[in-house]
Amino acid sequence: MTAEFFEPLSSNGILILKGTLNFTTISVAYKEGAQIIKSQSNIESSEIFIDLAAITDANSVILAMLIEWKRLAQAAGKSVSFINLSSNLLKIAKVYDLEIILGVKKTVDNGN
């Protein structure tokens, strides 16, 4: 499967979500992300970071996808944190008090 909405895993282990996500494209992006998250189950690290800086269109449909990815990761014994949300997406998440539930982080904590 060729990833349409994800860059290859970066050297620091961060997944980069990219492109326009809307009601038309969200199901494909969801499936790609779910497959990647499930494939991380045999990786030693317990935390998965997904960078959202390369998303070109942000709306509330993305939040439902992110919540579902969190659920999938928890089922696999992992946690997912989302970094670099656009200000628009962060505002939407805050309206629904989702920034804590989603594990939103501005930067990756490398233990420093």
C-alpha atoms as a PDB file:
ATOM      1  CA  MET A   1       0.000   0.000   0.000  1.00  0.00           C
ATOM      2  CA  THR A   2       1.414   3.377  -1.018  1.00  0.00           C
ATOM      3  CA  ALA A   3       0.915   5.987   1.667  1.00  0.00           C
ATOM      4  CA  GLU A   4      -0.913   8.991   0.273  1.00  0.00           C
ATOM      5  CA  PHE A   5      -1.194  10.891   3.552  1.00  0.00           C
ATOM      6  CA  PHE A   6       2.001   9.942   5.384  1.00  0.00           C
ATOM      7  CA  GLU A   7       5.651  10.676   4.751  1.00  0.00           C
ATOM      8  CA  PRO A   8       8.018   7.778   5.426  1.00  0.00           C
ATOM      9  CA  LEU A   9       8.954   7.503   9.097  1.00  0.00           C
ATOM     10  CA  SER A  10      11.470  10.233   9.924  1.00  0.00           C
ATOM     11  CA  SER A  11      14.860   9.464  11.459  1.00  0.00           C
ATOM     12  CA  ASN A  12      13.572  10.630  14.861  1.00  0.00           C
ATOM     13  CA  GLY A  13      10.610   8.246  14.689  1.00  0.00           C
ATOM     14  CA  ILE A  14       7.946  10.852  14.006  1.00  0.00           C
ATOM     15  CA  LEU A  15       5.166  10.087  11.537  1.00  0.00           C
ATOM     16  CA  ILE A  16       4.317  13.043   9.314  1.00  0.00           C
ATOM     17  CA  LEU A  17       0.690  13.389   8.263  1.00  0.00           C
ATOM     18  CA  LYS A  18       0.301  15.492   5.124  1.00  0.00           C
ATOM     19  CA  GLY A  19      -2.223  16.753   2.620  1.00  0.00           C
ATOM     20  CA  THR A  20      -5.794  17.965   2.582  1.00  0.00           C
ATOM     21  CA  LEU A  21      -8.040  16.120   5.007  1.00  0.00           C
ATOM     22  CA  ASN A  22     -11.768  16.617   4.605  1.00  0.00           C
ATOM     23  CA  PHE A  23     -14.954  14.573   4.396  1.00  0.00           C
ATOM     24  CA  THR A  24     -13.872  13.210   0.999  1.00  0.00           C
ATOM     25  CA  THR A  25     -10.347  12.122   1.930  1.00  0.00           C
ATOM     26  CA  ILE A  26     -10.585  11.265   5.622  1.00  0.00           C
ATOM     27  CA  SER A  27     -11.437   7.561   5.216  1.00  0.00           C
ATOM     28  CA  VAL A  28      -8.272   6.886   3.202  1.00  0.00           C
ATOM     29  CA  ALA A  29      -6.136   8.846   5.678  1.00  0.00           C
ATOM     30  CA  TYR A  30      -7.761   7.004   8.583  1.00  0.00           C
ATOM     31  CA  LYS A  31      -7.026   3.593   7.059  1.00  0.00           C
ATOM     32  CA  GLU A  32      -3.399   4.519   6.345  1.00  0.00           C
ATOM     33  CA  GLY A  33      -2.891   5.773   9.884  1.00  0.00           C
ATOM     34  CA  ALA A  34      -4.600   2.744  11.410  1.00  0.00           C
ATOM     35  CA  GLN A  35      -2.374   0.411   9.413  1.00  0.00           C
ATOM     36  CA  ILE A  36       0.751   2.305  10.480  1.00  0.00           C
ATOM     37  CA  ILE A  37      -0.300   2.345  14.141  1.00  0.00           C
ATOM     38  CA  LYS A  38      -1.026  -1.388  14.091  1.00  0.00           C
ATOM     39  CA  SER A  39       2.358  -2.031  12.477  1.00  0.00           C
ATOM     40  CA  GLN A  40       4.057  -0.205  15.368  1.00  0.00           C
ATOM     41  CA  SER A  41       2.858  -2.827  17.862  1.00  0.00           C
ATOM     42  CA  ASN A  42       6.128  -4.738  17.615  1.00  0.00           C
ATOM     43  CA  ILE A  43       8.317  -1.623  17.976  1.00  0.00           C
ATOM     44  CA  GLU A  44       9.993  -1.239  21.382  1.00  0.00           C
ATOM     45  CA  SER A  45       8.968   2.388  21.989  1.00  0.00           C
ATOM     46  CA  SER A  46       5.602   2.742  23.670  1.00  0.00           C
ATOM     47  CA  GLU A  47       4.894   6.200  22.235  1.00  0.00           C
ATOM     48  CA  ILE A  48       4.037   7.174  18.677  1.00  0.00           C
ATOM     49  CA  PHE A  49       4.310  10.804  17.574  1.00  0.00           C
ATOM     50  CA  ILE A  50       2.320  12.108  14.623  1.00  0.00           C
ATOM     51  CA  ASP A  51       3.264  15.527  13.241  1.00  0.00           C
ATOM     52  CA  LEU A  52       0.310  17.435  11.799  1.00  0.00           C
ATOM     53  CA  ALA A  53       2.217  20.479  10.476  1.00  0.00           C
ATOM     54  CA  ALA A  54       1.911  19.377   6.828  1.00  0.00           C
ATOM     55  CA  ILE A  55      -1.900  19.203   6.836  1.00  0.00           C
ATOM     56  CA  THR A  56      -3.152  21.813   4.384  1.00  0.00           C
ATOM     57  CA  ASP A  57      -6.801  21.915   5.439  1.00  0.00           C
ATOM     58  CA  ALA A  58      -7.964  21.458   9.013  1.00  0.00           C
ATOM     59  CA  ASN A  59     -11.507  20.886  10.159  1.00  0.00           C
ATOM     60  CA  SER A  60     -13.418  19.005  12.825  1.00  0.00           C
ATOM     61  CA  VAL A  61     -13.548  15.718  10.903  1.00  0.00           C
ATOM     62  CA  ILE A  62      -9.832  15.319  11.630  1.00  0.00           C
ATOM     63  CA  LEU A  63     -10.472  15.260  15.380  1.00  0.00           C
ATOM     64  CA  ALA A  64     -12.663  12.161  15.133  1.00  0.00           C
ATOM     65  CA  MET A  65      -9.896  10.406  13.216  1.00  0.00           C
ATOM     66  CA  LEU A  66      -7.273  11.370  15.792  1.00  0.00           C
ATOM     67  CA  ILE A  67      -9.438  10.099  18.651  1.00  0.00           C
ATOM     68  CA  GLU A  68      -9.897   6.779  16.871  1.00  0.00           C
ATOM     69  CA  TRP A  69      -6.140   6.494  16.285  1.00  0.00           C
ATOM     70  CA  LYS A  70      -5.628   7.042  20.031  1.00  0.00           C
ATOM     71  CA  ARG A  71      -8.038   4.175  20.722  1.00  0.00           C
ATOM     72  CA  LEU A  72      -6.242   1.868  18.276  1.00  0.00           C
ATOM     73  CA  ALA A  73      -2.863   2.700  19.771  1.00  0.00           C
ATOM     74  CA  GLN A  74      -4.098   2.041  23.312  1.00  0.00           C
ATOM     75  CA  ALA A  75      -5.447  -1.336  22.184  1.00  0.00           C
ATOM     76  CA  ALA A  76      -1.950  -2.116  20.860  1.00  0.00           C
ATOM     77  CA  GLY A  77      -0.314  -1.042  24.134  1.00  0.00           C
ATOM     78  CA  LYS A  78       0.978   2.221  22.680  1.00  0.00           C
ATOM     79  CA  SER A  79       0.239   5.876  23.181  1.00  0.00           C
ATOM     80  CA  VAL A  80      -0.074   8.464  20.444  1.00  0.00           C
ATOM     81  CA  SER A  81       0.783  12.139  20.766  1.00  0.00           C
ATOM     82  CA  PHE A  82       0.028  14.721  18.122  1.00  0.00           C
ATOM     83  CA  ILE A  83       2.422  17.605  17.526  1.00  0.00           C
ATOM     84  CA  ASN A  84       2.357  20.790  15.473  1.00  0.00           C
ATOM     85  CA  LEU A  85      -1.409  21.188  15.163  1.00  0.00           C
ATOM     86  CA  SER A  86      -2.445  24.225  13.181  1.00  0.00           C
ATOM     87  CA  SER A  87      -3.891  27.068  15.233  1.00  0.00           C
ATOM     88  CA  ASN A  88      -7.276  26.410  13.604  1.00  0.00           C
ATOM     89  CA  LEU A  89      -7.283  22.730  14.528  1.00  0.00           C
ATOM     90  CA  LEU A  90      -6.061  23.502  18.037  1.00  0.00           C
ATOM     91  CA  LYS A  91      -8.902  26.010  18.491  1.00  0.00           C
ATOM     92  CA  ILE A  92     -11.440  23.375  17.430  1.00  0.00           C
ATOM     93  CA  ALA A  93      -9.898  20.836  19.825  1.00  0.00           C
ATOM     94  CA  LYS A  94     -10.021  23.340  22.685  1.00  0.00           C
ATOM     95  CA  VAL A  95     -13.702  24.101  22.069  1.00  0.00           C
ATOM     96  CA  TYR A  96     -14.455  20.430  22.752  1.00  0.00           C
ATOM     97  CA  ASP A  97     -11.792  20.054  25.512  1.00  0.00           C
ATOM     98  CA  LEU A  98      -9.974  17.495  23.386  1.00  0.00           C
ATOM     99  CA  GLU A  99      -6.380  18.736  23.534  1.00  0.00           C
ATOM    100  CA  ILE A 100      -5.643  16.653  26.657  1.00  0.00           C
ATOM    101  CA  ILE A 101      -7.558  13.600  25.423  1.00  0.00           C
ATOM    102  CA  LEU A 102      -5.667  13.771  22.134  1.00  0.00           C
ATOM    103  CA  GLY A 103      -2.271  14.122  23.803  1.00  0.00           C
ATOM    104  CA  VAL A 104      -1.504  17.308  21.912  1.00  0.00           C
ATOM    105  CA  LYS A 105       2.106  18.389  22.261  1.00  0.00           C
ATOM    106  CA  LYS A 106       3.725  21.391  20.667  1.00  0.00           C
ATOM    107  CA  THR A 107       7.114  19.667  20.443  1.00  0.00           C
ATOM    108  CA  VAL A 108       8.416  16.170  20.998  1.00  0.00           C
ATOM    109  CA  ASP A 109       9.811  15.533  24.467  1.00  0.00           C
ATOM    110  CA  ASN A 110      13.092  13.731  23.922  1.00  0.00           C
ATOM    111  CA  GLY A 111      13.648  13.359  27.644  1.00  0.00           C
ATOM    112  CA  ASN A 112      15.807  16.479  27.824  1.00  0.00           C
END
